[in-house]
């Protein structure tokens, strides 16, 4: 599985703009996004993760298509990924910002659908 396949849910313009705004090298951000997508696929798997989030959080699925899920998760989910992936303090906010911006740009998700205390997480389906 290539990084391009893993990055398919994200517009290149979103990645570039977010990297610039967060003072993170684009390549570093792309690697972090790909690693995050790979981790979700491998441990325990996208469908299993979404199932667990559906059990834990109140209606977290904002969008489900044959290609991806967009879910609303509390900040603790991102904190756990940041620790697990050993993302430094500058890269994790950029990764989260890419997911958030990509969700905002998705016409199929209403801007009011994302609870104020949650953040979007975009995950490609296998």
PDB file of N, CA and C in Angstrom:
ATOM      1  N   UNK A   1       0.848  -1.164   0.000  1.00  0.00           N
ATOM      2  CA  UNK A   1       0.000   0.000   0.000  1.00  0.00           C
ATOM      3  C   UNK A   1       0.902   1.238   0.000  1.00  0.00           C
ATOM      4  N   UNK A   2       0.677   2.103  -0.942  1.00  0.00           N
ATOM      5  CA  UNK A   2       1.522   3.288  -1.087  1.00  0.00           C
ATOM      6  C   UNK A   2       0.995   4.446  -0.251  1.00  0.00           C
ATOM      7  N   UNK A   3       1.873   5.407  -0.026  1.00  0.00           N
ATOM      8  CA  UNK A   3       1.448   6.604   0.692  1.00  0.00           C
ATOM      9  C   UNK A   3       0.381   7.354  -0.097  1.00  0.00           C
ATOM     10  N   UNK A   4       0.460   7.319  -1.416  1.00  0.00           N
ATOM     11  CA  UNK A   4      -0.556   8.002  -2.235  1.00  0.00           C
ATOM     12  C   UNK A   4      -1.937   7.397  -1.996  1.00  0.00           C
ATOM     13  N   UNK A   5      -2.001   6.083  -1.873  1.00  0.00           N
ATOM     14  CA  UNK A   5      -3.271   5.414  -1.577  1.00  0.00           C
ATOM     15  C   UNK A   5      -3.777   5.840  -0.201  1.00  0.00           C
ATOM     16  N   UNK A   6      -2.883   5.904   0.759  1.00  0.00           N
ATOM     17  CA  UNK A   6      -3.261   6.271   2.120  1.00  0.00           C
ATOM     18  C   UNK A   6      -3.696   7.729   2.217  1.00  0.00           C
ATOM     19  N   UNK A   7      -3.154   8.578   1.346  1.00  0.00           N
ATOM     20  CA  UNK A   7      -3.477  10.002   1.375  1.00  0.00           C
ATOM     21  C   UNK A   7      -4.652  10.369   0.474  1.00  0.00           C
ATOM     22  N   UNK A   8      -5.250   9.386  -0.166  1.00  0.00           N
ATOM     23  CA  UNK A   8      -6.351   9.637  -1.108  1.00  0.00           C
ATOM     24  C   UNK A   8      -7.508  10.455  -0.523  1.00  0.00           C
ATOM     25  N   UNK A   9      -7.847  10.324   0.767  1.00  0.00           N
ATOM     26  CA  UNK A   9      -8.977  11.111   1.289  1.00  0.00           C
ATOM     27  C   UNK A   9      -8.702  12.614   1.394  1.00  0.00           C
ATOM     28  N   UNK A  10      -7.443  13.016   1.212  1.00  0.00           N
ATOM     29  CA  UNK A  10      -7.074  14.404   1.453  1.00  0.00           C
ATOM     30  C   UNK A  10      -6.691  15.119   0.167  1.00  0.00           C
ATOM     31  N   UNK A  11      -7.185  16.335   0.019  1.00  0.00           N
ATOM     32  CA  UNK A  11      -6.785  17.180  -1.102  1.00  0.00           C
ATOM     33  C   UNK A  11      -5.363  17.670  -0.864  1.00  0.00           C
ATOM     34  N   UNK A  12      -4.555  17.641  -1.904  1.00  0.00           N
ATOM     35  CA  UNK A  12      -3.176  18.109  -1.793  1.00  0.00           C
ATOM     36  C   UNK A  12      -3.130  19.568  -1.341  1.00  0.00           C
ATOM     37  N   UNK A  13      -4.067  20.375  -1.814  1.00  0.00           N
ATOM     38  CA  UNK A  13      -4.095  21.785  -1.423  1.00  0.00           C
ATOM     39  C   UNK A  13      -4.312  21.936   0.081  1.00  0.00           C
ATOM     40  N   UNK A  14      -5.121  21.075   0.665  1.00  0.00           N
ATOM     41  CA  UNK A  14      -5.360  21.122   2.112  1.00  0.00           C
ATOM     42  C   UNK A  14      -4.070  20.783   2.855  1.00  0.00           C
ATOM     43  N   UNK A  15      -3.372  19.770   2.393  1.00  0.00           N
ATOM     44  CA  UNK A  15      -2.113  19.380   3.042  1.00  0.00           C
ATOM     45  C   UNK A  15      -1.098  20.513   2.934  1.00  0.00           C
ATOM     46  N   UNK A  16      -0.934  21.065   1.741  1.00  0.00           N
ATOM     47  CA  UNK A  16       0.057  22.142   1.531  1.00  0.00           C
ATOM     48  C   UNK A  16      -0.249  23.369   2.378  1.00  0.00           C
ATOM     49  N   UNK A  17      -1.486  23.809   2.334  1.00  0.00           N
ATOM     50  CA  UNK A  17      -1.878  25.007   3.080  1.00  0.00           C
ATOM     51  C   UNK A  17      -1.713  24.792   4.577  1.00  0.00           C
ATOM     52  N   UNK A  18      -2.105  23.635   5.043  1.00  0.00           N
ATOM     53  CA  UNK A  18      -1.995  23.334   6.471  1.00  0.00           C
ATOM     54  C   UNK A  18      -0.534  23.269   6.898  1.00  0.00           C
ATOM     55  N   UNK A  19       0.306  22.686   6.080  1.00  0.00           N
ATOM     56  CA  UNK A  19       1.742  22.624   6.393  1.00  0.00           C
ATOM     57  C   UNK A  19       2.312  24.039   6.529  1.00  0.00           C
ATOM     58  N   UNK A  20       1.969  24.893   5.593  1.00  0.00           N
ATOM     59  CA  UNK A  20       2.469  26.274   5.633  1.00  0.00           C
ATOM     60  C   UNK A  20       1.961  27.014   6.863  1.00  0.00           C
ATOM     61  N   UNK A  21       0.678  26.888   7.147  1.00  0.00           N
ATOM     62  CA  UNK A  21       0.084  27.603   8.284  1.00  0.00           C
ATOM     63  C   UNK A  21       0.619  27.126   9.630  1.00  0.00           C
ATOM     64  N   UNK A  22       1.061  25.868   9.673  1.00  0.00           N
ATOM     65  CA  UNK A  22       1.550  25.292  10.932  1.00  0.00           C
ATOM     66  C   UNK A  22       3.063  25.194  11.001  1.00  0.00           C
ATOM     67  N   UNK A  23       3.737  25.771   9.998  1.00  0.00           N
ATOM     68  CA  UNK A  23       5.196  25.772   9.959  1.00  0.00           C
ATOM     69  C   UNK A  23       5.772  24.356  10.094  1.00  0.00           C
ATOM     70  N   UNK A  24       5.173  23.448   9.312  1.00  0.00           N
ATOM     71  CA  UNK A  24       5.613  22.054   9.275  1.00  0.00           C
ATOM     72  C   UNK A  24       5.972  21.748   7.822  1.00  0.00           C
ATOM     73  N   UNK A  25       7.075  21.047   7.604  1.00  0.00           N
ATOM     74  CA  UNK A  25       7.446  20.679   6.242  1.00  0.00           C
ATOM     75  C   UNK A  25       6.354  19.795   5.649  1.00  0.00           C
ATOM     76  N   UNK A  26       6.023  20.055   4.396  1.00  0.00           N
ATOM     77  CA  UNK A  26       4.952  19.297   3.748  1.00  0.00           C
ATOM     78  C   UNK A  26       5.240  17.797   3.756  1.00  0.00           C
ATOM     79  N   UNK A  27       6.469  17.400   3.491  1.00  0.00           N
ATOM     80  CA  UNK A  27       6.829  15.985   3.488  1.00  0.00           C
ATOM     81  C   UNK A  27       6.632  15.334   4.845  1.00  0.00           C
ATOM     82  N   UNK A  28       6.962  16.057   5.892  1.00  0.00           N
ATOM     83  CA  UNK A  28       6.772  15.546   7.260  1.00  0.00           C
ATOM     84  C   UNK A  28       5.287  15.358   7.537  1.00  0.00           C
ATOM     85  N   UNK A  29       4.481  16.325   7.117  1.00  0.00           N
ATOM     86  CA  UNK A  29       3.039  16.227   7.328  1.00  0.00           C
ATOM     87  C   UNK A  29       2.444  15.081   6.520  1.00  0.00           C
ATOM     88  N   UNK A  30       2.857  14.942   5.283  1.00  0.00           N
ATOM     89  CA  UNK A  30       2.363  13.842   4.450  1.00  0.00           C
ATOM     90  C   UNK A  30       2.724  12.497   5.076  1.00  0.00           C
ATOM     91  N   UNK A  31       3.953  12.368   5.562  1.00  0.00           N
ATOM     92  CA  UNK A  31       4.383  11.114   6.209  1.00  0.00           C
ATOM     93  C   UNK A  31       3.544  10.822   7.449  1.00  0.00           C
ATOM     94  N   UNK A  32       3.276  11.851   8.252  1.00  0.00           N
ATOM     95  CA  UNK A  32       2.488  11.663   9.471  1.00  0.00           C
ATOM     96  C   UNK A  32       1.058  11.248   9.134  1.00  0.00           C
ATOM     97  N   UNK A  33       0.476  11.880   8.115  1.00  0.00           N
ATOM     98  CA  UNK A  33      -0.882  11.515   7.696  1.00  0.00           C
ATOM     99  C   UNK A  33      -0.928  10.074   7.189  1.00  0.00           C
ATOM    100  N   UNK A  34       0.046   9.692   6.382  1.00  0.00           N
ATOM    101  CA  UNK A  34       0.086   8.323   5.848  1.00  0.00           C
ATOM    102  C   UNK A  34       0.286   7.309   6.971  1.00  0.00           C
ATOM    103  N   UNK A  35       1.165   7.615   7.897  1.00  0.00           N
ATOM    104  CA  UNK A  35       1.407   6.714   9.028  1.00  0.00           C
ATOM    105  C   UNK A  35       0.149   6.548   9.869  1.00  0.00           C
ATOM    106  N   UNK A  36      -0.567   7.634  10.082  1.00  0.00           N
ATOM    107  CA  UNK A  36      -1.812   7.569  10.844  1.00  0.00           C
ATOM    108  C   UNK A  36      -2.840   6.690  10.134  1.00  0.00           C
ATOM    109  N   UNK A  37      -3.014   6.885   8.829  1.00  0.00           N
ATOM    110  CA  UNK A  37      -3.962   6.063   8.063  1.00  0.00           C
ATOM    111  C   UNK A  37      -3.554   4.587   8.101  1.00  0.00           C
ATOM    112  N   UNK A  38      -2.269   4.325   7.942  1.00  0.00           N
ATOM    113  CA  UNK A  38      -1.766   2.947   7.970  1.00  0.00           C
ATOM    114  C   UNK A  38      -2.036   2.312   9.327  1.00  0.00           C
ATOM    115  N   UNK A  39      -1.793   3.062  10.388  1.00  0.00           N
ATOM    116  CA  UNK A  39      -2.001   2.547  11.744  1.00  0.00           C
ATOM    117  C   UNK A  39      -3.458   2.176  11.966  1.00  0.00           C
ATOM    118  N   UNK A  40      -4.368   3.013  11.499  1.00  0.00           N
ATOM    119  CA  UNK A  40      -5.786   2.707  11.681  1.00  0.00           C
ATOM    120  C   UNK A  40      -6.181   1.461  10.891  1.00  0.00           C
ATOM    121  N   UNK A  41      -5.587   1.260   9.743  1.00  0.00           N
ATOM    122  CA  UNK A  41      -5.901   0.064   8.938  1.00  0.00           C
ATOM    123  C   UNK A  41      -5.350  -1.201   9.579  1.00  0.00           C
ATOM    124  N   UNK A  42      -4.179  -1.081  10.167  1.00  0.00           N
ATOM    125  CA  UNK A  42      -3.502  -2.265  10.677  1.00  0.00           C
ATOM    126  C   UNK A  42      -3.881  -2.620  12.109  1.00  0.00           C
ATOM    127  N   UNK A  43      -4.269  -1.647  12.900  1.00  0.00           N
ATOM    128  CA  UNK A  43      -4.477  -1.910  14.314  1.00  0.00           C
ATOM    129  C   UNK A  43      -5.675  -1.142  14.833  1.00  0.00           C
ATOM    130  N   UNK A  44      -6.797  -1.670  14.980  1.00  0.00           N
ATOM    131  CA  UNK A  44      -7.249  -3.028  14.701  1.00  0.00           C
ATOM    132  C   UNK A  44      -7.893  -3.173  13.327  1.00  0.00           C
ATOM    133  N   UNK A  45      -8.029  -2.074  12.608  1.00  0.00           N
ATOM    134  CA  UNK A  45      -8.712  -2.076  11.320  1.00  0.00           C
ATOM    135  C   UNK A  45      -9.769  -0.989  11.319  1.00  0.00           C
ATOM    136  N   UNK A  46     -10.015  -0.410  10.169  1.00  0.00           N
ATOM    137  CA  UNK A  46     -10.918   0.724  10.063  1.00  0.00           C
ATOM    138  C   UNK A  46     -12.325   0.389  10.553  1.00  0.00           C
ATOM    139  N   UNK A  47     -12.882  -0.684  10.067  1.00  0.00           N
ATOM    140  CA  UNK A  47     -14.258  -1.030  10.458  1.00  0.00           C
ATOM    141  C   UNK A  47     -14.360  -1.271  11.959  1.00  0.00           C
ATOM    142  N   UNK A  48     -13.353  -1.933  12.539  1.00  0.00           N
ATOM    143  CA  UNK A  48     -13.360  -2.187  13.978  1.00  0.00           C
ATOM    144  C   UNK A  48     -13.232  -0.892  14.778  1.00  0.00           C
ATOM    145  N   UNK A  49     -12.367   0.012  14.317  1.00  0.00           N
ATOM    146  CA  UNK A  49     -12.223   1.293  15.000  1.00  0.00           C
ATOM    147  C   UNK A  49     -13.527   2.071  15.006  1.00  0.00           C
ATOM    148  N   UNK A  50     -14.137   2.178  13.853  1.00  0.00           N
ATOM    149  CA  UNK A  50     -15.389   2.931  13.757  1.00  0.00           C
ATOM    150  C   UNK A  50     -16.467   2.274  14.616  1.00  0.00           C
ATOM    151  N   UNK A  51     -16.503   0.963  14.639  1.00  0.00           N
ATOM    152  CA  UNK A  51     -17.459   0.252  15.489  1.00  0.00           C
ATOM    153  C   UNK A  51     -17.230   0.621  16.961  1.00  0.00           C
ATOM    154  N   UNK A  52     -15.979   0.619  17.388  1.00  0.00           N
ATOM    155  CA  UNK A  52     -15.668   0.962  18.782  1.00  0.00           C
ATOM    156  C   UNK A  52     -16.031   2.406  19.093  1.00  0.00           C
ATOM    157  N   UNK A  53     -15.732   3.310  18.170  1.00  0.00           N
ATOM    158  CA  UNK A  53     -16.087   4.714  18.391  1.00  0.00           C
ATOM    159  C   UNK A  53     -17.600   4.883  18.443  1.00  0.00           C
ATOM    160  N   UNK A  54     -18.319   4.119  17.652  1.00  0.00           N
ATOM    161  CA  UNK A  54     -19.782   4.207  17.686  1.00  0.00           C
ATOM    162  C   UNK A  54     -20.308   3.749  19.043  1.00  0.00           C
ATOM    163  N   UNK A  55     -19.654   2.786  19.664  1.00  0.00           N
ATOM    164  CA  UNK A  55     -20.069   2.321  20.984  1.00  0.00           C
ATOM    165  C   UNK A  55     -19.707   3.337  22.069  1.00  0.00           C
ATOM    166  N   UNK A  56     -18.565   4.000  21.912  1.00  0.00           N
ATOM    167  CA  UNK A  56     -18.063   4.908  22.943  1.00  0.00           C
ATOM    168  C   UNK A  56     -18.667   6.300  22.897  1.00  0.00           C
ATOM    169  N   UNK A  57     -18.910   6.807  21.704  1.00  0.00           N
ATOM    170  CA  UNK A  57     -19.306   8.204  21.542  1.00  0.00           C
ATOM    171  C   UNK A  57     -20.688   8.293  20.909  1.00  0.00           C
ATOM    172  N   UNK A  58     -21.370   9.343  21.219  1.00  0.00           N
ATOM    173  CA  UNK A  58     -22.728   9.541  20.759  1.00  0.00           C
ATOM    174  C   UNK A  58     -22.754   9.915  19.281  1.00  0.00           C
ATOM    175  N   UNK A  59     -23.138   8.969  18.448  1.00  0.00           N
ATOM    176  CA  UNK A  59     -23.320   9.195  17.018  1.00  0.00           C
ATOM    177  C   UNK A  59     -22.129   9.889  16.360  1.00  0.00           C
ATOM    178  N   UNK A  60     -20.931   9.283  16.404  1.00  0.00           N
ATOM    179  CA  UNK A  60     -19.739   9.962  15.895  1.00  0.00           C
ATOM    180  C   UNK A  60     -19.593   9.963  14.371  1.00  0.00           C
ATOM    181  N   UNK A  61     -20.325   9.113  13.674  1.00  0.00           N
ATOM    182  CA  UNK A  61     -20.148   9.012  12.222  1.00  0.00           C
ATOM    183  C   UNK A  61     -20.867  10.177  11.542  1.00  0.00           C
ATOM    184  N   UNK A  62     -20.080  11.033  10.914  1.00  0.00           N
ATOM    185  CA  UNK A  62     -20.619  12.180  10.199  1.00  0.00           C
ATOM    186  C   UNK A  62     -20.876  11.850   8.729  1.00  0.00           C
ATOM    187  N   UNK A  63     -20.061  10.945   8.199  1.00  0.00           N
ATOM    188  CA  UNK A  63     -20.202  10.550   6.798  1.00  0.00           C
ATOM    189  C   UNK A  63     -19.643   9.144   6.616  1.00  0.00           C
ATOM    190  N   UNK A  64     -20.369   8.357   5.870  1.00  0.00           N
ATOM    191  CA  UNK A  64     -19.920   7.005   5.515  1.00  0.00           C
ATOM    192  C   UNK A  64     -20.138   6.854   4.018  1.00  0.00           C
ATOM    193  N   UNK A  65     -19.049   6.556   3.302  1.00  0.00           N
ATOM    194  CA  UNK A  65     -19.124   6.268   1.875  1.00  0.00           C
ATOM    195  C   UNK A  65     -18.392   4.953   1.642  1.00  0.00           C
ATOM    196  N   UNK A  66     -18.435   4.420   0.445  1.00  0.00           N
ATOM    197  CA  UNK A  66     -17.664   3.206   0.186  1.00  0.00           C
ATOM    198  C   UNK A  66     -16.155   3.405   0.363  1.00  0.00           C
ATOM    199  N   UNK A  67     -15.695   4.662   0.289  1.00  0.00           N
ATOM    200  CA  UNK A  67     -14.262   4.934   0.353  1.00  0.00           C
ATOM    201  C   UNK A  67     -13.752   5.426   1.700  1.00  0.00           C
ATOM    202  N   UNK A  68     -14.637   6.035   2.490  1.00  0.00           N
ATOM    203  CA  UNK A  68     -14.139   6.631   3.734  1.00  0.00           C
ATOM    204  C   UNK A  68     -15.222   6.820   4.768  1.00  0.00           C
ATOM    205  N   UNK A  69     -14.739   7.069   5.986  1.00  0.00           N
ATOM    206  CA  UNK A  69     -15.575   7.513   7.099  1.00  0.00           C
ATOM    207  C   UNK A  69     -15.061   8.874   7.530  1.00  0.00           C
ATOM    208  N   UNK A  70     -15.961   9.721   7.952  1.00  0.00           N
ATOM    209  CA  UNK A  70     -15.586  10.917   8.692  1.00  0.00           C
ATOM    210  C   UNK A  70     -16.323  10.814  10.017  1.00  0.00           C
ATOM    211  N   UNK A  71     -15.554  10.849  11.098  1.00  0.00           N
ATOM    212  CA  UNK A  71     -16.132  10.708  12.429  1.00  0.00           C
ATOM    213  C   UNK A  71     -15.736  11.897  13.291  1.00  0.00           C
ATOM    214  N   UNK A  72     -16.541  12.169  14.302  1.00  0.00           N
ATOM    215  CA  UNK A  72     -16.262  13.218  15.274  1.00  0.00           C
ATOM    216  C   UNK A  72     -15.773  12.544  16.550  1.00  0.00           C
ATOM    217  N   UNK A  73     -14.554  12.881  16.942  1.00  0.00           N
ATOM    218  CA  UNK A  73     -13.960  12.254  18.121  1.00  0.00           C
ATOM    219  C   UNK A  73     -13.501  13.326  19.106  1.00  0.00           C
ATOM    220  N   UNK A  74     -13.469  12.985  20.395  1.00  0.00           N
ATOM    221  CA  UNK A  74     -12.962  13.941  21.375  1.00  0.00           C
ATOM    222  C   UNK A  74     -11.443  14.088  21.238  1.00  0.00           C
ATOM    223  N   UNK A  75     -10.891  15.154  21.769  1.00  0.00           N
ATOM    224  CA  UNK A  75      -9.446  15.390  21.655  1.00  0.00           C
ATOM    225  C   UNK A  75      -8.580  14.259  22.201  1.00  0.00           C
ATOM    226  N   UNK A  76      -9.101  13.486  23.138  1.00  0.00           N
ATOM    227  CA  UNK A  76      -8.299  12.399  23.706  1.00  0.00           C
ATOM    228  C   UNK A  76      -7.900  11.364  22.656  1.00  0.00           C
ATOM    229  N   UNK A  77      -8.748  11.164  21.642  1.00  0.00           N
ATOM    230  CA  UNK A  77      -8.402  10.209  20.579  1.00  0.00           C
ATOM    231  C   UNK A  77      -7.155  10.695  19.848  1.00  0.00           C
ATOM    232  N   UNK A  78      -7.127  11.979  19.519  1.00  0.00           N
ATOM    233  CA  UNK A  78      -5.964  12.532  18.831  1.00  0.00           C
ATOM    234  C   UNK A  78      -4.731  12.528  19.732  1.00  0.00           C
ATOM    235  N   UNK A  79      -4.911  12.790  21.015  1.00  0.00           N
ATOM    236  CA  UNK A  79      -3.785  12.760  21.947  1.00  0.00           C
ATOM    237  C   UNK A  79      -3.175  11.361  21.987  1.00  0.00           C
ATOM    238  N   UNK A  80      -4.033  10.342  22.003  1.00  0.00           N
ATOM    239  CA  UNK A  80      -3.542   8.962  22.009  1.00  0.00           C
ATOM    240  C   UNK A  80      -2.781   8.644  20.725  1.00  0.00           C
ATOM    241  N   UNK A  81      -3.316   9.082  19.578  1.00  0.00           N
ATOM    242  CA  UNK A  81      -2.596   8.855  18.314  1.00  0.00           C
ATOM    243  C   UNK A  81      -1.271   9.606  18.313  1.00  0.00           C
ATOM    244  N   UNK A  82      -1.261  10.824  18.812  1.00  0.00           N
ATOM    245  CA  UNK A  82      -0.016  11.592  18.862  1.00  0.00           C
ATOM    246  C   UNK A  82       1.053  10.890  19.669  1.00  0.00           C
ATOM    247  N   UNK A  83       0.652  10.341  20.799  1.00  0.00           N
ATOM    248  CA  UNK A  83       1.594   9.610  21.646  1.00  0.00           C
ATOM    249  C   UNK A  83       2.030   8.313  20.976  1.00  0.00           C
ATOM    250  N   UNK A  84       1.076   7.560  20.470  1.00  0.00           N
ATOM    251  CA  UNK A  84       1.374   6.276  19.841  1.00  0.00           C
ATOM    252  C   UNK A  84       2.295   6.439  18.625  1.00  0.00           C
ATOM    253  N   UNK A  85       2.052   7.458  17.823  1.00  0.00           N
ATOM    254  CA  UNK A  85       2.836   7.676  16.607  1.00  0.00           C
ATOM    255  C   UNK A  85       4.079   8.525  16.866  1.00  0.00           C
ATOM    256  N   UNK A  86       4.235   8.949  18.117  1.00  0.00           N
ATOM    257  CA  UNK A  86       5.378   9.775  18.518  1.00  0.00           C
ATOM    258  C   UNK A  86       5.494  11.029  17.659  1.00  0.00           C
ATOM    259  N   UNK A  87       4.349  11.686  17.451  1.00  0.00           N
ATOM    260  CA  UNK A  87       4.331  12.931  16.695  1.00  0.00           C
ATOM    261  C   UNK A  87       4.734  14.069  17.618  1.00  0.00           C
ATOM    262  N   UNK A  88       5.631  14.918  17.146  1.00  0.00           N
ATOM    263  CA  UNK A  88       6.035  16.025  18.011  1.00  0.00           C
ATOM    264  C   UNK A  88       4.920  17.054  18.097  1.00  0.00           C
ATOM    265  N   UNK A  89       5.094  17.983  19.007  1.00  0.00           N
ATOM    266  CA  UNK A  89       4.035  18.943  19.314  1.00  0.00           C
ATOM    267  C   UNK A  89       3.633  19.804  18.120  1.00  0.00           C
ATOM    268  N   UNK A  90       4.506  20.009  17.159  1.00  0.00           N
ATOM    269  CA  UNK A  90       4.160  20.806  15.995  1.00  0.00           C
ATOM    270  C   UNK A  90       3.429  20.028  14.924  1.00  0.00           C
ATOM    271  N   UNK A  91       3.702  18.732  14.834  1.00  0.00           N
ATOM    272  CA  UNK A  91       3.119  17.914  13.765  1.00  0.00           C
ATOM    273  C   UNK A  91       1.701  17.477  14.101  1.00  0.00           C
ATOM    274  N   UNK A  92       1.432  17.096  15.323  1.00  0.00           N
ATOM    275  CA  UNK A  92       0.089  16.623  15.689  1.00  0.00           C
ATOM    276  C   UNK A  92      -0.991  17.669  15.401  1.00  0.00           C
ATOM    277  N   UNK A  93      -0.820  18.930  15.800  1.00  0.00           N
ATOM    278  CA  UNK A  93      -1.859  19.908  15.461  1.00  0.00           C
ATOM    279  C   UNK A  93      -2.062  20.065  13.953  1.00  0.00           C
ATOM    280  N   UNK A  94      -1.013  19.913  13.185  1.00  0.00           N
ATOM    281  CA  UNK A  94      -1.132  20.005  11.726  1.00  0.00           C
ATOM    282  C   UNK A  94      -1.909  18.822  11.174  1.00  0.00           C
ATOM    283  N   UNK A  95      -1.667  17.638  11.690  1.00  0.00           N
ATOM    284  CA  UNK A  95      -2.409  16.452  11.256  1.00  0.00           C
ATOM    285  C   UNK A  95      -3.897  16.633  11.564  1.00  0.00           C
ATOM    286  N   UNK A  96      -4.186  17.064  12.774  1.00  0.00           N
ATOM    287  CA  UNK A  96      -5.579  17.287  13.167  1.00  0.00           C
ATOM    288  C   UNK A  96      -6.208  18.358  12.274  1.00  0.00           C
ATOM    289  N   UNK A  97      -5.469  19.404  11.978  1.00  0.00           N
ATOM    290  CA  UNK A  97      -5.987  20.493  11.143  1.00  0.00           C
ATOM    291  C   UNK A  97      -6.312  20.017   9.729  1.00  0.00           C
ATOM    292  N   UNK A  98      -5.512  19.106   9.185  1.00  0.00           N
ATOM    293  CA  UNK A  98      -5.810  18.559   7.852  1.00  0.00           C
ATOM    294  C   UNK A  98      -7.140  17.818   7.884  1.00  0.00           C
ATOM    295  N   UNK A  99      -7.339  16.989   8.883  1.00  0.00           N
ATOM    296  CA  UNK A  99      -8.599  16.243   9.003  1.00  0.00           C
ATOM    297  C   UNK A  99      -9.784  17.200   9.151  1.00  0.00           C
ATOM    298  N   UNK A 100      -9.598  18.215   9.972  1.00  0.00           N
ATOM    299  CA  UNK A 100     -10.674  19.178  10.217  1.00  0.00           C
ATOM    300  C   UNK A 100     -10.998  19.965   8.933  1.00  0.00           C
ATOM    301  N   UNK A 101      -9.977  20.462   8.271  1.00  0.00           N
ATOM    302  CA  UNK A 101     -10.184  21.253   7.049  1.00  0.00           C
ATOM    303  C   UNK A 101     -10.789  20.404   5.938  1.00  0.00           C
ATOM    304  N   UNK A 102     -10.325  19.164   5.807  1.00  0.00           N
ATOM    305  CA  UNK A 102     -10.878  18.293   4.772  1.00  0.00           C
ATOM    306  C   UNK A 102     -12.362  18.046   5.023  1.00  0.00           C
ATOM    307  N   UNK A 103     -12.731  17.907   6.273  1.00  0.00           N
ATOM    308  CA  UNK A 103     -14.134  17.704   6.623  1.00  0.00           C
ATOM    309  C   UNK A 103     -14.965  18.940   6.299  1.00  0.00           C
ATOM    310  N   UNK A 104     -14.436  20.098   6.635  1.00  0.00           N
ATOM    311  CA  UNK A 104     -15.148  21.344   6.355  1.00  0.00           C
ATOM    312  C   UNK A 104     -15.379  21.505   4.854  1.00  0.00           C
ATOM    313  N   UNK A 105     -14.432  21.059   4.055  1.00  0.00           N
ATOM    314  CA  UNK A 105     -14.542  21.189   2.605  1.00  0.00           C
ATOM    315  C   UNK A 105     -15.411  20.109   1.964  1.00  0.00           C
ATOM    316  N   UNK A 106     -15.837  19.154   2.747  1.00  0.00           N
ATOM    317  CA  UNK A 106     -16.670  18.072   2.235  1.00  0.00           C
ATOM    318  C   UNK A 106     -18.125  18.524   2.246  1.00  0.00           C
ATOM    319  N   UNK A 107     -18.695  18.658   1.071  1.00  0.00           N
ATOM    320  CA  UNK A 107     -20.071  19.147   0.953  1.00  0.00           C
ATOM    321  C   UNK A 107     -21.087  18.252   1.656  1.00  0.00           C
ATOM    322  N   UNK A 108     -20.774  16.980   1.792  1.00  0.00           N
ATOM    323  CA  UNK A 108     -21.731  16.036   2.361  1.00  0.00           C
ATOM    324  C   UNK A 108     -21.836  16.123   3.881  1.00  0.00           C
ATOM    325  N   UNK A 109     -20.964  16.900   4.512  1.00  0.00           N
ATOM    326  CA  UNK A 109     -21.002  17.049   5.965  1.00  0.00           C
ATOM    327  C   UNK A 109     -21.423  18.480   6.290  1.00  0.00           C
ATOM    328  N   UNK A 110     -22.512  18.607   7.014  1.00  0.00           N
ATOM    329  CA  UNK A 110     -22.981  19.928   7.445  1.00  0.00           C
ATOM    330  C   UNK A 110     -22.015  20.493   8.493  1.00  0.00           C
ATOM    331  N   UNK A 111     -21.738  21.765   8.402  1.00  0.00           N
ATOM    332  CA  UNK A 111     -20.804  22.385   9.341  1.00  0.00           C
ATOM    333  C   UNK A 111     -21.294  22.276  10.785  1.00  0.00           C
ATOM    334  N   UNK A 112     -22.592  22.195  10.978  1.00  0.00           N
ATOM    335  CA  UNK A 112     -23.143  22.089  12.327  1.00  0.00           C
ATOM    336  C   UNK A 112     -23.144  20.655  12.860  1.00  0.00           C
ATOM    337  N   UNK A 113     -22.767  19.697  12.030  1.00  0.00           N
ATOM    338  CA  UNK A 113     -22.800  18.292  12.451  1.00  0.00           C
ATOM    339  C   UNK A 113     -21.674  17.943  13.420  1.00  0.00           C
ATOM    340  N   UNK A 114     -20.591  18.695  13.385  1.00  0.00           N
ATOM    341  CA  UNK A 114     -19.445  18.410  14.237  1.00  0.00           C
ATOM    342  C   UNK A 114     -19.647  19.068  15.605  1.00  0.00           C
ATOM    343  N   UNK A 115     -19.767  18.258  16.664  1.00  0.00           N
ATOM    344  CA  UNK A 115     -19.934  18.846  17.993  1.00  0.00           C
ATOM    345  C   UNK A 115     -18.754  19.759  18.342  1.00  0.00           C
ATOM    346  N   UNK A 116     -19.032  20.801  19.076  1.00  0.00           N
ATOM    347  CA  UNK A 116     -18.023  21.808  19.383  1.00  0.00           C
ATOM    348  C   UNK A 116     -16.820  21.241  20.131  1.00  0.00           C
ATOM    349  N   UNK A 117     -17.028  20.256  20.960  1.00  0.00           N
ATOM    350  CA  UNK A 117     -15.932  19.705  21.750  1.00  0.00           C
ATOM    351  C   UNK A 117     -15.286  18.480  21.103  1.00  0.00           C
ATOM    352  N   UNK A 118     -15.541  18.257  19.830  1.00  0.00           N
ATOM    353  CA  UNK A 118     -14.959  17.137  19.096  1.00  0.00           C
ATOM    354  C   UNK A 118     -14.222  17.638  17.859  1.00  0.00           C
ATOM    355  N   UNK A 119     -13.400  16.772  17.319  1.00  0.00           N
ATOM    356  CA  UNK A 119     -12.624  17.092  16.126  1.00  0.00           C
ATOM    357  C   UNK A 119     -12.865  16.009  15.094  1.00  0.00           C
ATOM    358  N   UNK A 120     -12.821  16.395  13.853  1.00  0.00           N
ATOM    359  CA  UNK A 120     -13.040  15.439  12.772  1.00  0.00           C
ATOM    360  C   UNK A 120     -11.845  14.505  12.609  1.00  0.00           C
ATOM    361  N   UNK A 121     -12.152  13.299  12.206  1.00  0.00           N
ATOM    362  CA  UNK A 121     -11.136  12.319  11.861  1.00  0.00           C
ATOM    363  C   UNK A 121     -11.616  11.646  10.581  1.00  0.00           C
ATOM    364  N   UNK A 122     -10.790  11.749   9.543  1.00  0.00           N
ATOM    365  CA  UNK A 122     -11.108  11.164   8.242  1.00  0.00           C
ATOM    366  C   UNK A 122     -10.306   9.877   8.118  1.00  0.00           C
ATOM    367  N   UNK A 123     -10.979   8.797   7.799  1.00  0.00           N
ATOM    368  CA  UNK A 123     -10.273   7.526   7.679  1.00  0.00           C
ATOM    369  C   UNK A 123     -10.725   6.815   6.407  1.00  0.00           C
ATOM    370  N   UNK A 124      -9.744   6.452   5.582  1.00  0.00           N
ATOM    371  CA  UNK A 124     -10.034   5.723   4.364  1.00  0.00           C
ATOM    372  C   UNK A 124     -10.447   4.300   4.703  1.00  0.00           C
ATOM    373  N   UNK A 125     -11.454   3.828   4.008  1.00  0.00           N
ATOM    374  CA  UNK A 125     -11.894   2.441   4.205  1.00  0.00           C
ATOM    375  C   UNK A 125     -11.013   1.533   3.382  1.00  0.00           C
ATOM    376  N   UNK A 126     -10.861   0.345   3.854  1.00  0.00           N
ATOM    377  CA  UNK A 126      -9.993  -0.628   3.188  1.00  0.00           C
ATOM    378  C   UNK A 126     -10.652  -1.218   1.971  1.00  0.00           C
TER     379      UNK A 126
END
